[in-house]
Amino acid sequence: MQHSAQQINRDEKQSDKNEKIRLYLGYAPGKTTALNGLLIRALGAGLKVKIILFSKCYENTSESKIYDVLKNIFKDKFDYFFAGVSRIRTDGSFRFFGDKDGWTNDDQTKLEQGIEYLARDISSGDYDLLCLDEFTDLIYHKEQRIKEEFAQTLFKNVHNNTMVVITGHLCPEWLKELATTIIVGKIEKHYQGYTKGIEW
């Protein structure tokens, strides 16, 4: 007789989990898309999932509406947090980290909130899957918005019940060494557009 995912004991589900940290890296599009597909699959398998989106905000991310739907359906299994504010200027241009206005007090406040959640969730064992979107650049970028020593401590203390999946463009070598899987995207051809509902 087949059993549903909800009937499987959580300890049994975790016993064969060998992966701890997975990285989706590179400048090719699709990293967050892969992350979203993975969290949907995990929810379908009965896992408890949380995603923290760094450098992004609710208003400028189309999937935020779907996160609300998922949270309503999977009330005790799914949560999310946007640890960023809008990076779109009033003239429609994008605020990059290296720009004069690339980092504001509002950016810092949201980041600190996200880090507080991350520090708790990564070591609590409350989540089977913890997704960290656009995280690696915050520790790789020359300004190091998240200090390397602090990040190293976090990822060396991932709870045994938890798998962490992280996206970003660039990544420090020490995090690559901790990772159990690294996937780097490659573009062969791109239309150079930025379409709502496709890229964001």
C-alpha atoms as a PDB file:
ATOM      1  CA  MET A   1       0.000   0.000   0.000  1.00  0.00           C
ATOM      2  CA  GLN A   2       1.344   3.431  -0.930  1.00  0.00           C
ATOM      3  CA  HIS A   3       1.621   6.110   1.716  1.00  0.00           C
ATOM      4  CA  SER A   4       1.279   9.854   1.159  1.00  0.00           C
ATOM      5  CA  ALA A   5       4.206  12.169   1.869  1.00  0.00           C
ATOM      6  CA  GLN A   6       2.404  13.428   4.964  1.00  0.00           C
ATOM      7  CA  GLN A   7       2.349   9.910   6.413  1.00  0.00           C
ATOM      8  CA  ILE A   8       6.095   9.416   6.156  1.00  0.00           C
ATOM      9  CA  ASN A   9       7.900  10.062   9.398  1.00  0.00           C
ATOM     10  CA  ARG A  10      10.053  13.175   9.166  1.00  0.00           C
ATOM     11  CA  ASP A  11      13.085  11.422  10.599  1.00  0.00           C
ATOM     12  CA  GLU A  12      12.800   8.754   7.910  1.00  0.00           C
ATOM     13  CA  LYS A  13      12.609  11.421   5.226  1.00  0.00           C
ATOM     14  CA  GLN A  14      15.788  13.016   6.485  1.00  0.00           C
ATOM     15  CA  SER A  15      17.764   9.828   7.062  1.00  0.00           C
ATOM     16  CA  ASP A  16      18.824   9.472   3.422  1.00  0.00           C
ATOM     17  CA  LYS A  17      19.590  13.163   2.904  1.00  0.00           C
ATOM     18  CA  ASN A  18      23.245  13.514   1.958  1.00  0.00           C
ATOM     19  CA  GLU A  19      23.122  16.979   0.477  1.00  0.00           C
ATOM     20  CA  LYS A  20      23.647  19.958   2.775  1.00  0.00           C
ATOM     21  CA  ILE A  21      24.466  22.986   0.617  1.00  0.00           C
ATOM     22  CA  ARG A  22      23.614  23.460  -3.070  1.00  0.00           C
ATOM     23  CA  LEU A  23      24.767  26.472  -5.084  1.00  0.00           C
ATOM     24  CA  TYR A  24      23.205  27.898  -8.259  1.00  0.00           C
ATOM     25  CA  LEU A  25      25.762  30.375  -9.625  1.00  0.00           C
ATOM     26  CA  GLY A  26      26.699  32.442 -12.666  1.00  0.00           C
ATOM     27  CA  TYR A  27      25.339  35.291 -14.758  1.00  0.00           C
ATOM     28  CA  ALA A  28      22.913  33.184 -16.784  1.00  0.00           C
ATOM     29  CA  PRO A  29      19.221  33.723 -15.980  1.00  0.00           C
ATOM     30  CA  GLY A  30      17.253  30.971 -14.293  1.00  0.00           C
ATOM     31  CA  LYS A  31      18.830  30.702 -10.845  1.00  0.00           C
ATOM     32  CA  THR A  32      15.785  31.954  -8.945  1.00  0.00           C
ATOM     33  CA  THR A  33      13.573  30.008 -11.351  1.00  0.00           C
ATOM     34  CA  ALA A  34      15.419  26.823 -10.402  1.00  0.00           C
ATOM     35  CA  LEU A  35      15.087  27.720  -6.734  1.00  0.00           C
ATOM     36  CA  ASN A  36      11.337  28.228  -7.080  1.00  0.00           C
ATOM     37  CA  GLY A  37      10.938  24.930  -8.918  1.00  0.00           C
ATOM     38  CA  LEU A  38      12.864  23.153  -6.198  1.00  0.00           C
ATOM     39  CA  LEU A  39      10.782  24.599  -3.376  1.00  0.00           C
ATOM     40  CA  ILE A  40       7.553  23.618  -5.162  1.00  0.00           C
ATOM     41  CA  ARG A  41       8.852  20.067  -5.566  1.00  0.00           C
ATOM     42  CA  ALA A  42       9.837  19.980  -1.889  1.00  0.00           C
ATOM     43  CA  LEU A  43       6.394  21.173  -0.796  1.00  0.00           C
ATOM     44  CA  GLY A  44       4.814  18.498  -2.976  1.00  0.00           C
ATOM     45  CA  ALA A  45       6.916  15.919  -1.146  1.00  0.00           C
ATOM     46  CA  GLY A  46       5.653  17.137   2.220  1.00  0.00           C
ATOM     47  CA  LEU A  47       8.816  18.997   3.226  1.00  0.00           C
ATOM     48  CA  LYS A  48       8.821  22.199   5.239  1.00  0.00           C
ATOM     49  CA  VAL A  49      10.308  25.063   3.226  1.00  0.00           C
ATOM     50  CA  LYS A  50      11.352  28.679   3.693  1.00  0.00           C
ATOM     51  CA  ILE A  51      12.817  31.106   1.173  1.00  0.00           C
ATOM     52  CA  ILE A  52      14.623  34.327   2.069  1.00  0.00           C
ATOM     53  CA  LEU A  53      15.117  36.646  -0.895  1.00  0.00           C
ATOM     54  CA  PHE A  54      18.019  39.053  -0.497  1.00  0.00           C
ATOM     55  CA  SER A  55      18.247  42.290  -2.517  1.00  0.00           C
ATOM     56  CA  LYS A  56      14.663  41.811  -3.721  1.00  0.00           C
ATOM     57  CA  CYS A  57      11.334  43.189  -2.578  1.00  0.00           C
ATOM     58  CA  TYR A  58       7.727  42.018  -2.713  1.00  0.00           C
ATOM     59  CA  GLU A  59       6.574  44.723  -5.128  1.00  0.00           C
ATOM     60  CA  ASN A  60       9.146  44.053  -7.875  1.00  0.00           C
ATOM     61  CA  THR A  61       9.022  40.254  -7.918  1.00  0.00           C
ATOM     62  CA  SER A  62       6.153  38.537  -9.750  1.00  0.00           C
ATOM     63  CA  GLU A  63       6.468  35.264  -7.831  1.00  0.00           C
ATOM     64  CA  SER A  64       5.627  37.087  -4.587  1.00  0.00           C
ATOM     65  CA  LYS A  65       1.939  36.656  -5.449  1.00  0.00           C
ATOM     66  CA  ILE A  66       2.473  32.912  -5.785  1.00  0.00           C
ATOM     67  CA  TYR A  67       4.282  32.802  -2.443  1.00  0.00           C
ATOM     68  CA  ASP A  68       1.095  34.178  -0.883  1.00  0.00           C
ATOM     69  CA  VAL A  69      -0.899  31.398  -2.547  1.00  0.00           C
ATOM     70  CA  LEU A  70       1.565  28.741  -1.371  1.00  0.00           C
ATOM     71  CA  LYS A  71       1.516  30.096   2.162  1.00  0.00           C
ATOM     72  CA  ASN A  72      -2.269  29.896   2.184  1.00  0.00           C
ATOM     73  CA  ILE A  73      -2.286  26.304   0.901  1.00  0.00           C
ATOM     74  CA  PHE A  74       0.712  25.014   2.868  1.00  0.00           C
ATOM     75  CA  LYS A  75       0.019  26.937   6.074  1.00  0.00           C
ATOM     76  CA  ASP A  76       2.445  25.033   8.306  1.00  0.00           C
ATOM     77  CA  LYS A  77       4.901  24.051   5.575  1.00  0.00           C
ATOM     78  CA  PHE A  78       5.907  27.251   3.778  1.00  0.00           C
ATOM     79  CA  ASP A  79       7.182  30.690   4.687  1.00  0.00           C
ATOM     80  CA  TYR A  80       9.055  33.479   2.919  1.00  0.00           C
ATOM     81  CA  PHE A  81      10.748  36.788   3.648  1.00  0.00           C
ATOM     82  CA  PHE A  82      11.960  39.565   1.343  1.00  0.00           C
ATOM     83  CA  ALA A  83      15.219  40.908   2.785  1.00  0.00           C
ATOM     84  CA  GLY A  84      15.501  43.803   0.358  1.00  0.00           C
ATOM     85  CA  VAL A  85      13.884  47.006  -0.860  1.00  0.00           C
ATOM     86  CA  SER A  86      13.237  48.145  -4.412  1.00  0.00           C
ATOM     87  CA  ARG A  87      16.398  48.570  -6.484  1.00  0.00           C
ATOM     88  CA  ILE A  88      14.491  50.324  -9.277  1.00  0.00           C
ATOM     89  CA  ARG A  89      14.930  54.095  -9.379  1.00  0.00           C
ATOM     90  CA  THR A  90      12.091  56.474 -10.220  1.00  0.00           C
ATOM     91  CA  ASP A  91      13.495  56.811 -13.760  1.00  0.00           C
ATOM     92  CA  GLY A  92      13.334  53.028 -14.220  1.00  0.00           C
ATOM     93  CA  SER A  93      17.092  52.410 -13.967  1.00  0.00           C
ATOM     94  CA  PHE A  94      18.573  49.780 -11.661  1.00  0.00           C
ATOM     95  CA  ARG A  95      20.622  50.470  -8.525  1.00  0.00           C
ATOM     96  CA  PHE A  96      23.726  48.273  -8.609  1.00  0.00           C
ATOM     97  CA  PHE A  97      25.749  47.692  -5.452  1.00  0.00           C
ATOM     98  CA  GLY A  98      28.655  49.732  -6.790  1.00  0.00           C
ATOM     99  CA  ASP A  99      26.556  52.826  -7.593  1.00  0.00           C
ATOM    100  CA  LYS A 100      26.645  55.885  -5.344  1.00  0.00           C
ATOM    101  CA  ASP A 101      23.106  55.123  -4.220  1.00  0.00           C
ATOM    102  CA  GLY A 102      23.649  51.368  -4.452  1.00  0.00           C
ATOM    103  CA  TRP A 103      23.272  50.816  -0.719  1.00  0.00           C
ATOM    104  CA  THR A 104      20.938  52.805   1.538  1.00  0.00           C
ATOM    105  CA  ASN A 105      19.854  52.687   5.171  1.00  0.00           C
ATOM    106  CA  ASP A 106      16.666  50.938   4.048  1.00  0.00           C
ATOM    107  CA  ASP A 107      18.758  48.292   2.273  1.00  0.00           C
ATOM    108  CA  GLN A 108      20.772  47.743   5.444  1.00  0.00           C
ATOM    109  CA  THR A 109      17.702  47.496   7.678  1.00  0.00           C
ATOM    110  CA  LYS A 110      16.083  44.866   5.479  1.00  0.00           C
ATOM    111  CA  LEU A 111      19.341  42.940   5.194  1.00  0.00           C
ATOM    112  CA  GLU A 112      19.720  42.826   8.970  1.00  0.00           C
ATOM    113  CA  GLN A 113      16.176  41.482   9.299  1.00  0.00           C
ATOM    114  CA  GLY A 114      16.931  38.787   6.742  1.00  0.00           C
ATOM    115  CA  ILE A 115      20.174  37.831   8.485  1.00  0.00           C
ATOM    116  CA  GLU A 116      18.337  37.538  11.787  1.00  0.00           C
ATOM    117  CA  TYR A 117      15.899  35.057  10.225  1.00  0.00           C
ATOM    118  CA  LEU A 118      18.727  33.202   8.500  1.00  0.00           C
ATOM    119  CA  ALA A 119      20.812  32.824  11.656  1.00  0.00           C
ATOM    120  CA  ARG A 120      17.834  31.341  13.460  1.00  0.00           C
ATOM    121  CA  ASP A 121      16.488  29.150  10.658  1.00  0.00           C
ATOM    122  CA  ILE A 122      19.785  27.618   9.538  1.00  0.00           C
ATOM    123  CA  SER A 123      20.511  26.148  12.971  1.00  0.00           C
ATOM    124  CA  SER A 124      17.021  25.468  14.351  1.00  0.00           C
ATOM    125  CA  GLY A 125      16.158  22.418  12.256  1.00  0.00           C
ATOM    126  CA  ASP A 126      12.660  23.823  11.736  1.00  0.00           C
ATOM    127  CA  TYR A 127      12.932  23.628   7.944  1.00  0.00           C
ATOM    128  CA  ASP A 128      13.790  20.729   5.660  1.00  0.00           C
ATOM    129  CA  LEU A 129      14.731  23.142   2.871  1.00  0.00           C
ATOM    130  CA  LEU A 130      16.036  26.675   3.367  1.00  0.00           C
ATOM    131  CA  CYS A 131      16.388  28.728   0.164  1.00  0.00           C
ATOM    132  CA  LEU A 132      18.589  31.838   0.058  1.00  0.00           C
ATOM    133  CA  ASP A 133      18.143  33.852  -3.119  1.00  0.00           C
ATOM    134  CA  GLU A 134      20.836  36.306  -4.327  1.00  0.00           C
ATOM    135  CA  PHE A 135      22.916  35.671  -1.217  1.00  0.00           C
ATOM    136  CA  THR A 136      26.447  34.933  -2.412  1.00  0.00           C
ATOM    137  CA  ASP A 137      27.100  38.392  -3.865  1.00  0.00           C
ATOM    138  CA  LEU A 138      26.556  39.938  -0.445  1.00  0.00           C
ATOM    139  CA  ILE A 139      29.593  38.086   0.886  1.00  0.00           C
ATOM    140  CA  TYR A 140      31.635  38.155  -2.352  1.00  0.00           C
ATOM    141  CA  HIS A 141      31.213  41.824  -3.267  1.00  0.00           C
ATOM    142  CA  LYS A 142      34.119  44.085  -2.271  1.00  0.00           C
ATOM    143  CA  GLU A 143      31.976  45.929   0.303  1.00  0.00           C
ATOM    144  CA  GLN A 144      31.020  42.592   1.908  1.00  0.00           C
ATOM    145  CA  ARG A 145      27.562  43.548   3.127  1.00  0.00           C
ATOM    146  CA  ILE A 146      27.690  40.304   5.103  1.00  0.00           C
ATOM    147  CA  LYS A 147      31.043  39.740   6.765  1.00  0.00           C
ATOM    148  CA  GLU A 148      32.851  36.605   5.655  1.00  0.00           C
ATOM    149  CA  GLU A 149      33.653  35.389   9.170  1.00  0.00           C
ATOM    150  CA  PHE A 150      29.990  35.603  10.173  1.00  0.00           C
ATOM    151  CA  ALA A 151      28.837  33.797   7.025  1.00  0.00           C
ATOM    152  CA  GLN A 152      31.405  31.031   7.536  1.00  0.00           C
ATOM    153  CA  THR A 153      30.107  30.412  11.039  1.00  0.00           C
ATOM    154  CA  LEU A 154      26.534  30.205   9.730  1.00  0.00           C
ATOM    155  CA  PHE A 155      27.225  27.654   7.022  1.00  0.00           C
ATOM    156  CA  LYS A 156      29.454  25.481   9.156  1.00  0.00           C
ATOM    157  CA  ASN A 157      26.547  25.042  11.565  1.00  0.00           C
ATOM    158  CA  VAL A 158      23.730  23.981   9.248  1.00  0.00           C
ATOM    159  CA  HIS A 159      21.309  21.779  11.195  1.00  0.00           C
ATOM    160  CA  ASN A 160      21.300  18.090  10.283  1.00  0.00           C
ATOM    161  CA  ASN A 161      17.615  18.302   9.334  1.00  0.00           C
ATOM    162  CA  THR A 162      18.148  21.159   6.901  1.00  0.00           C
ATOM    163  CA  MET A 163      19.355  21.423   3.312  1.00  0.00           C
ATOM    164  CA  VAL A 164      20.359  24.918   2.175  1.00  0.00           C
ATOM    165  CA  VAL A 165      20.108  26.085  -1.444  1.00  0.00           C
ATOM    166  CA  ILE A 166      21.794  29.364  -2.364  1.00  0.00           C
ATOM    167  CA  THR A 167      21.834  31.485  -5.526  1.00  0.00           C
ATOM    168  CA  GLY A 168      24.109  34.291  -6.675  1.00  0.00           C
ATOM    169  CA  HIS A 169      26.394  35.461  -9.445  1.00  0.00           C
ATOM    170  CA  LEU A 170      29.786  35.055  -7.773  1.00  0.00           C
ATOM    171  CA  CYS A 171      30.784  33.022  -4.748  1.00  0.00           C
ATOM    172  CA  PRO A 172      33.787  32.813  -2.395  1.00  0.00           C
ATOM    173  CA  GLU A 173      35.918  29.685  -2.601  1.00  0.00           C
ATOM    174  CA  TRP A 174      35.314  28.660   1.011  1.00  0.00           C
ATOM    175  CA  LEU A 175      31.569  28.372   0.364  1.00  0.00           C
ATOM    176  CA  LYS A 176      32.200  26.337  -2.784  1.00  0.00           C
ATOM    177  CA  GLU A 177      34.282  23.955  -0.683  1.00  0.00           C
ATOM    178  CA  LEU A 178      31.426  23.525   1.800  1.00  0.00           C
ATOM    179  CA  ALA A 179      28.877  22.936  -0.982  1.00  0.00           C
ATOM    180  CA  THR A 180      27.817  19.414  -1.892  1.00  0.00           C
ATOM    181  CA  THR A 181      26.476  20.468  -5.320  1.00  0.00           C
ATOM    182  CA  ILE A 182      27.431  23.434  -7.514  1.00  0.00           C
ATOM    183  CA  ILE A 183      25.490  24.283 -10.679  1.00  0.00           C
ATOM    184  CA  VAL A 184      26.741  27.113 -12.907  1.00  0.00           C
ATOM    185  CA  GLY A 185      24.455  28.436 -15.648  1.00  0.00           C
ATOM    186  CA  LYS A 186      25.617  29.202 -19.184  1.00  0.00           C
ATOM    187  CA  ILE A 187      24.040  31.407 -21.861  1.00  0.00           C
ATOM    188  CA  GLU A 188      24.440  30.335 -25.499  1.00  0.00           C
ATOM    189  CA  LYS A 189      22.025  32.927 -26.872  1.00  0.00           C
ATOM    190  CA  HIS A 190      19.814  35.547 -25.222  1.00  0.00           C
ATOM    191  CA  TYR A 191      17.333  38.031 -26.652  1.00  0.00           C
ATOM    192  CA  GLN A 192      18.663  40.754 -24.292  1.00  0.00           C
ATOM    193  CA  GLY A 193      15.198  41.579 -23.033  1.00  0.00           C
ATOM    194  CA  TYR A 194      13.854  41.830 -19.504  1.00  0.00           C
ATOM    195  CA  THR A 195      10.231  40.728 -19.630  1.00  0.00           C
ATOM    196  CA  LYS A 196       7.844  40.834 -16.671  1.00  0.00           C
ATOM    197  CA  GLY A 197       6.648  37.337 -15.885  1.00  0.00           C
ATOM    198  CA  ILE A 198       9.727  35.808 -17.515  1.00  0.00           C
ATOM    199  CA  GLU A 199      12.802  37.477 -16.005  1.00  0.00           C
ATOM    200  CA  TRP A 200      11.052  39.007 -13.024  1.00  0.00           C
END
